[in-house]
């Protein structure tokens, strides 16, 4: 868009004006180099905030859910690492899937993933979520969550210990730190 006001600026709706002004500001920021400066300053802060405030959606289906609960208990205290479980997908940024996924459950799990706001990550915990577990050759079991949603971190084990779950989230923290997104997430 042109940086000048259009002749029909008075006739713009509020949505049109917001879209026009956002585009104008983005062009000015890119042209002046301000975008790079703000990104350089805000990227470490943004990365730190994303790493230290993970809100996983607790989606425990089988025995891995017990280990997930144990990781939140006082002995391991996963909350000290910023892992605070939420029940609504709109309040989470990590989908923690554990247990076997059936063909009947797959569309609901995909819907939960799509309801989560960006940026979002998926952690597959346990052999059942990773590859179907002991029921890998069952007609009704999905052979891995990664067949229908992208998985960022795999936590192997049957069931994985709470230490492994915490280690998996530390690997997710490293992945988020490497991305180092700034204020302007879109180019």
C-alpha atoms as a PDB file:
ATOM      1  CA  UNK A   1       0.000   0.000   0.000  1.00  0.00           C
ATOM      2  CA  UNK A   2       1.018   3.574  -0.517  1.00  0.00           C
ATOM      3  CA  UNK A   3       2.168   5.489   2.549  1.00  0.00           C
ATOM      4  CA  UNK A   4      -0.019   8.446   1.624  1.00  0.00           C
ATOM      5  CA  UNK A   5      -3.622   8.739   2.689  1.00  0.00           C
ATOM      6  CA  UNK A   6      -5.965   7.558  -0.002  1.00  0.00           C
ATOM      7  CA  UNK A   7      -8.538  10.076  -1.269  1.00  0.00           C
ATOM      8  CA  UNK A   8     -11.317   7.956   0.218  1.00  0.00           C
ATOM      9  CA  UNK A   9      -9.701   7.688   3.679  1.00  0.00           C
ATOM     10  CA  UNK A  10     -12.719   9.358   5.246  1.00  0.00           C
ATOM     11  CA  UNK A  11     -14.983   6.655   3.813  1.00  0.00           C
ATOM     12  CA  UNK A  12     -12.913   3.769   5.261  1.00  0.00           C
ATOM     13  CA  UNK A  13     -14.488   1.407   7.734  1.00  0.00           C
ATOM     14  CA  UNK A  14     -12.692   0.805  11.006  1.00  0.00           C
ATOM     15  CA  UNK A  15     -11.410  -2.580   9.781  1.00  0.00           C
ATOM     16  CA  UNK A  16     -10.114  -1.056   6.534  1.00  0.00           C
ATOM     17  CA  UNK A  17      -8.421   1.768   8.450  1.00  0.00           C
ATOM     18  CA  UNK A  18      -6.817  -0.680  10.880  1.00  0.00           C
ATOM     19  CA  UNK A  19      -5.504  -2.821   8.015  1.00  0.00           C
ATOM     20  CA  UNK A  20      -4.231   0.277   6.169  1.00  0.00           C
ATOM     21  CA  UNK A  21      -2.534   1.782   9.240  1.00  0.00           C
ATOM     22  CA  UNK A  22      -0.929  -1.558  10.201  1.00  0.00           C
ATOM     23  CA  UNK A  23       0.509  -1.874   6.709  1.00  0.00           C
ATOM     24  CA  UNK A  24       1.777   1.710   6.755  1.00  0.00           C
ATOM     25  CA  UNK A  25       3.491   1.196  10.116  1.00  0.00           C
ATOM     26  CA  UNK A  26       5.091  -2.064   8.933  1.00  0.00           C
ATOM     27  CA  UNK A  27       6.445  -0.327   5.816  1.00  0.00           C
ATOM     28  CA  UNK A  28       7.836   2.554   7.879  1.00  0.00           C
ATOM     29  CA  UNK A  29       9.475   0.164  10.341  1.00  0.00           C
ATOM     30  CA  UNK A  30      11.137  -1.823   7.549  1.00  0.00           C
ATOM     31  CA  UNK A  31      12.245   1.258   5.614  1.00  0.00           C
ATOM     32  CA  UNK A  32      13.796   2.944   8.653  1.00  0.00           C
ATOM     33  CA  UNK A  33      15.470  -0.160  10.097  1.00  0.00           C
ATOM     34  CA  UNK A  34      13.474   0.124  13.304  1.00  0.00           C
ATOM     35  CA  UNK A  35      12.062  -3.381  12.834  1.00  0.00           C
ATOM     36  CA  UNK A  36      15.512  -4.982  13.103  1.00  0.00           C
ATOM     37  CA  UNK A  37      16.393  -2.900  16.154  1.00  0.00           C
ATOM     38  CA  UNK A  38      13.175  -3.790  17.970  1.00  0.00           C
ATOM     39  CA  UNK A  39      13.563  -7.460  17.050  1.00  0.00           C
ATOM     40  CA  UNK A  40      17.150  -7.479  18.328  1.00  0.00           C
ATOM     41  CA  UNK A  41      16.016  -6.037  21.655  1.00  0.00           C
ATOM     42  CA  UNK A  42      12.763  -7.960  22.068  1.00  0.00           C
ATOM     43  CA  UNK A  43      13.755 -11.408  20.724  1.00  0.00           C
ATOM     44  CA  UNK A  44      15.652 -12.526  23.871  1.00  0.00           C
ATOM     45  CA  UNK A  45      12.835 -11.265  26.099  1.00  0.00           C
ATOM     46  CA  UNK A  46      10.183 -12.960  23.961  1.00  0.00           C
ATOM     47  CA  UNK A  47      12.174 -16.194  23.903  1.00  0.00           C
ATOM     48  CA  UNK A  48      12.701 -16.111  27.675  1.00  0.00           C
ATOM     49  CA  UNK A  49       8.998 -15.531  28.307  1.00  0.00           C
ATOM     50  CA  UNK A  50       7.942 -18.383  26.011  1.00  0.00           C
ATOM     51  CA  UNK A  51      10.444 -20.789  27.574  1.00  0.00           C
ATOM     52  CA  UNK A  52       9.601 -20.000  31.162  1.00  0.00           C
ATOM     53  CA  UNK A  53       5.821 -20.039  30.912  1.00  0.00           C
ATOM     54  CA  UNK A  54       4.751 -23.250  29.195  1.00  0.00           C
ATOM     55  CA  UNK A  55       1.085 -24.017  29.637  1.00  0.00           C
ATOM     56  CA  UNK A  56       0.570 -27.648  28.597  1.00  0.00           C
ATOM     57  CA  UNK A  57      -2.884 -28.992  27.910  1.00  0.00           C
ATOM     58  CA  UNK A  58      -3.015 -32.109  30.039  1.00  0.00           C
ATOM     59  CA  UNK A  59      -4.347 -34.767  27.734  1.00  0.00           C
ATOM     60  CA  UNK A  60      -3.610 -37.946  29.658  1.00  0.00           C
ATOM     61  CA  UNK A  61      -5.268 -41.047  28.244  1.00  0.00           C
ATOM     62  CA  UNK A  62      -3.382 -43.943  29.829  1.00  0.00           C
ATOM     63  CA  UNK A  63      -0.649 -44.810  32.338  1.00  0.00           C
ATOM     64  CA  UNK A  64       1.597 -41.934  31.218  1.00  0.00           C
ATOM     65  CA  UNK A  65      -0.918 -39.588  32.835  1.00  0.00           C
ATOM     66  CA  UNK A  66       0.134 -40.968  36.228  1.00  0.00           C
ATOM     67  CA  UNK A  67       3.765 -40.095  35.513  1.00  0.00           C
ATOM     68  CA  UNK A  68       2.652 -36.664  34.338  1.00  0.00           C
ATOM     69  CA  UNK A  69       0.882 -36.183  37.668  1.00  0.00           C
ATOM     70  CA  UNK A  70       3.960 -37.430  39.538  1.00  0.00           C
ATOM     71  CA  UNK A  71       6.083 -34.829  37.737  1.00  0.00           C
ATOM     72  CA  UNK A  72       3.824 -32.139  39.192  1.00  0.00           C
ATOM     73  CA  UNK A  73       4.082 -33.514  42.718  1.00  0.00           C
ATOM     74  CA  UNK A  74       6.428 -31.917  45.287  1.00  0.00           C
ATOM     75  CA  UNK A  75       9.284 -34.351  44.609  1.00  0.00           C
ATOM     76  CA  UNK A  76       9.811 -33.223  41.001  1.00  0.00           C
ATOM     77  CA  UNK A  77       7.827 -29.955  41.033  1.00  0.00           C
ATOM     78  CA  UNK A  78       7.497 -29.332  37.310  1.00  0.00           C
ATOM     79  CA  UNK A  79       5.798 -26.035  38.068  1.00  0.00           C
ATOM     80  CA  UNK A  80       9.151 -24.523  39.069  1.00  0.00           C
ATOM     81  CA  UNK A  81      10.098 -24.859  35.390  1.00  0.00           C
ATOM     82  CA  UNK A  82       7.022 -22.919  34.270  1.00  0.00           C
ATOM     83  CA  UNK A  83       4.895 -25.964  33.377  1.00  0.00           C
ATOM     84  CA  UNK A  84       1.430 -25.027  34.572  1.00  0.00           C
ATOM     85  CA  UNK A  85      -1.291 -27.363  33.326  1.00  0.00           C
ATOM     86  CA  UNK A  86      -4.440 -25.841  31.888  1.00  0.00           C
ATOM     87  CA  UNK A  87      -7.703 -27.467  30.842  1.00  0.00           C
ATOM     88  CA  UNK A  88      -8.704 -25.228  27.950  1.00  0.00           C
ATOM     89  CA  UNK A  89      -6.849 -25.379  24.617  1.00  0.00           C
ATOM     90  CA  UNK A  90      -7.243 -21.620  24.247  1.00  0.00           C
ATOM     91  CA  UNK A  91      -5.137 -21.100  27.373  1.00  0.00           C
ATOM     92  CA  UNK A  92      -2.296 -23.435  26.387  1.00  0.00           C
ATOM     93  CA  UNK A  93       0.708 -23.418  24.103  1.00  0.00           C
ATOM     94  CA  UNK A  94       1.887 -27.041  24.500  1.00  0.00           C
ATOM     95  CA  UNK A  95      -0.205 -30.085  23.656  1.00  0.00           C
ATOM     96  CA  UNK A  96       1.160 -32.919  25.787  1.00  0.00           C
ATOM     97  CA  UNK A  97      -0.207 -36.162  24.340  1.00  0.00           C
ATOM     98  CA  UNK A  98       0.285 -39.400  26.201  1.00  0.00           C
ATOM     99  CA  UNK A  99      -1.449 -42.716  25.772  1.00  0.00           C
ATOM    100  CA  UNK A 100      -2.710 -44.472  22.687  1.00  0.00           C
ATOM    101  CA  UNK A 101      -4.728 -42.504  20.160  1.00  0.00           C
ATOM    102  CA  UNK A 102      -7.609 -44.287  18.490  1.00  0.00           C
ATOM    103  CA  UNK A 103      -9.256 -43.465  15.180  1.00  0.00           C
ATOM    104  CA  UNK A 104     -12.287 -42.202  17.100  1.00  0.00           C
ATOM    105  CA  UNK A 105     -10.139 -39.859  19.206  1.00  0.00           C
ATOM    106  CA  UNK A 106      -7.983 -38.516  16.344  1.00  0.00           C
ATOM    107  CA  UNK A 107     -10.420 -35.815  15.059  1.00  0.00           C
ATOM    108  CA  UNK A 108     -10.982 -34.492  18.578  1.00  0.00           C
ATOM    109  CA  UNK A 109      -7.256 -34.321  19.254  1.00  0.00           C
ATOM    110  CA  UNK A 110      -6.700 -32.519  15.938  1.00  0.00           C
ATOM    111  CA  UNK A 111      -9.471 -30.063  16.858  1.00  0.00           C
ATOM    112  CA  UNK A 112      -7.808 -29.371  20.221  1.00  0.00           C
ATOM    113  CA  UNK A 113      -4.525 -28.693  18.414  1.00  0.00           C
ATOM    114  CA  UNK A 114      -6.211 -26.278  16.005  1.00  0.00           C
ATOM    115  CA  UNK A 115      -7.917 -24.400  18.868  1.00  0.00           C
ATOM    116  CA  UNK A 116      -4.574 -23.585  20.467  1.00  0.00           C
ATOM    117  CA  UNK A 117      -3.157 -20.144  19.763  1.00  0.00           C
ATOM    118  CA  UNK A 118       0.145 -19.627  17.949  1.00  0.00           C
ATOM    119  CA  UNK A 119       2.930 -20.259  18.806  1.00  0.00           C
ATOM    120  CA  UNK A 120       2.130 -23.825  19.810  1.00  0.00           C
ATOM    121  CA  UNK A 121       4.122 -26.980  20.299  1.00  0.00           C
ATOM    122  CA  UNK A 122       3.311 -30.689  20.596  1.00  0.00           C
ATOM    123  CA  UNK A 123       5.035 -33.167  22.907  1.00  0.00           C
ATOM    124  CA  UNK A 124       4.436 -36.907  22.373  1.00  0.00           C
ATOM    125  CA  UNK A 125       4.994 -38.683  25.670  1.00  0.00           C
ATOM    126  CA  UNK A 126       5.321 -42.467  25.854  1.00  0.00           C
ATOM    127  CA  UNK A 127       5.496 -45.272  23.329  1.00  0.00           C
ATOM    128  CA  UNK A 128       1.741 -45.267  22.728  1.00  0.00           C
ATOM    129  CA  UNK A 129       1.706 -41.636  21.578  1.00  0.00           C
ATOM    130  CA  UNK A 130       4.948 -42.043  19.617  1.00  0.00           C
ATOM    131  CA  UNK A 131       4.265 -45.299  17.767  1.00  0.00           C
ATOM    132  CA  UNK A 132       1.069 -46.916  19.025  1.00  0.00           C
ATOM    133  CA  UNK A 133       2.772 -48.856  21.829  1.00  0.00           C
ATOM    134  CA  UNK A 134       1.739 -52.477  22.382  1.00  0.00           C
ATOM    135  CA  UNK A 135      -1.312 -51.884  20.215  1.00  0.00           C
ATOM    136  CA  UNK A 136       0.662 -50.664  17.175  1.00  0.00           C
ATOM    137  CA  UNK A 137      -0.881 -53.331  14.907  1.00  0.00           C
ATOM    138  CA  UNK A 138      -4.451 -52.885  16.138  1.00  0.00           C
ATOM    139  CA  UNK A 139      -6.985 -51.837  13.530  1.00  0.00           C
ATOM    140  CA  UNK A 140      -8.184 -48.974  15.724  1.00  0.00           C
ATOM    141  CA  UNK A 141      -4.888 -47.516  17.012  1.00  0.00           C
ATOM    142  CA  UNK A 142      -3.081 -44.659  15.279  1.00  0.00           C
ATOM    143  CA  UNK A 143       0.619 -45.430  14.870  1.00  0.00           C
ATOM    144  CA  UNK A 144       1.928 -42.186  16.258  1.00  0.00           C
ATOM    145  CA  UNK A 145       0.568 -38.711  16.861  1.00  0.00           C
ATOM    146  CA  UNK A 146       2.955 -37.340  14.223  1.00  0.00           C
ATOM    147  CA  UNK A 147       0.825 -38.921  11.486  1.00  0.00           C
ATOM    148  CA  UNK A 148      -1.789 -36.144  11.854  1.00  0.00           C
ATOM    149  CA  UNK A 149      -0.219 -33.292  13.884  1.00  0.00           C
ATOM    150  CA  UNK A 150       3.391 -32.048  13.900  1.00  0.00           C
ATOM    151  CA  UNK A 151       5.358 -33.198  16.955  1.00  0.00           C
ATOM    152  CA  UNK A 152       8.194 -31.071  18.315  1.00  0.00           C
ATOM    153  CA  UNK A 153       9.551 -33.285  21.119  1.00  0.00           C
ATOM    154  CA  UNK A 154       9.335 -37.037  21.704  1.00  0.00           C
ATOM    155  CA  UNK A 155       9.648 -38.443  25.237  1.00  0.00           C
ATOM    156  CA  UNK A 156      10.262 -42.211  24.952  1.00  0.00           C
ATOM    157  CA  UNK A 157       9.432 -44.763  27.607  1.00  0.00           C
ATOM    158  CA  UNK A 158       6.603 -47.003  28.712  1.00  0.00           C
ATOM    159  CA  UNK A 159       5.699 -45.066  30.756  1.00  0.00           C
ATOM    160  CA  UNK A 160       8.414 -42.416  30.816  1.00  0.00           C
ATOM    161  CA  UNK A 161       9.597 -41.371  34.249  1.00  0.00           C
ATOM    162  CA  UNK A 162       8.900 -37.842  35.530  1.00  0.00           C
ATOM    163  CA  UNK A 163      12.590 -37.048  35.040  1.00  0.00           C
ATOM    164  CA  UNK A 164      12.240 -37.915  31.341  1.00  0.00           C
ATOM    165  CA  UNK A 165       9.214 -35.658  31.034  1.00  0.00           C
ATOM    166  CA  UNK A 166      11.084 -32.767  32.633  1.00  0.00           C
ATOM    167  CA  UNK A 167      14.040 -33.463  30.323  1.00  0.00           C
ATOM    168  CA  UNK A 168      11.680 -33.404  27.338  1.00  0.00           C
ATOM    169  CA  UNK A 169      10.404 -29.996  28.361  1.00  0.00           C
ATOM    170  CA  UNK A 170      13.992 -28.786  28.760  1.00  0.00           C
ATOM    171  CA  UNK A 171      14.594 -29.883  25.156  1.00  0.00           C
ATOM    172  CA  UNK A 172      11.497 -27.901  24.164  1.00  0.00           C
ATOM    173  CA  UNK A 173      12.954 -24.893  26.005  1.00  0.00           C
ATOM    174  CA  UNK A 174      16.155 -25.218  23.946  1.00  0.00           C
ATOM    175  CA  UNK A 175      14.132 -25.436  20.736  1.00  0.00           C
ATOM    176  CA  UNK A 176      12.190 -22.287  21.627  1.00  0.00           C
ATOM    177  CA  UNK A 177      15.449 -20.507  22.496  1.00  0.00           C
ATOM    178  CA  UNK A 178      16.957 -21.413  19.102  1.00  0.00           C
ATOM    179  CA  UNK A 179      13.956 -19.937  17.274  1.00  0.00           C
ATOM    180  CA  UNK A 180      14.498 -16.543  18.969  1.00  0.00           C
ATOM    181  CA  UNK A 181      11.416 -14.860  17.560  1.00  0.00           C
ATOM    182  CA  UNK A 182      11.098 -11.122  18.000  1.00  0.00           C
ATOM    183  CA  UNK A 183       8.185  -8.747  18.167  1.00  0.00           C
ATOM    184  CA  UNK A 184       7.455  -8.932  14.456  1.00  0.00           C
ATOM    185  CA  UNK A 185       6.829 -12.653  14.019  1.00  0.00           C
ATOM    186  CA  UNK A 186       5.861 -12.350  10.366  1.00  0.00           C
ATOM    187  CA  UNK A 187       8.161 -11.067   7.668  1.00  0.00           C
END
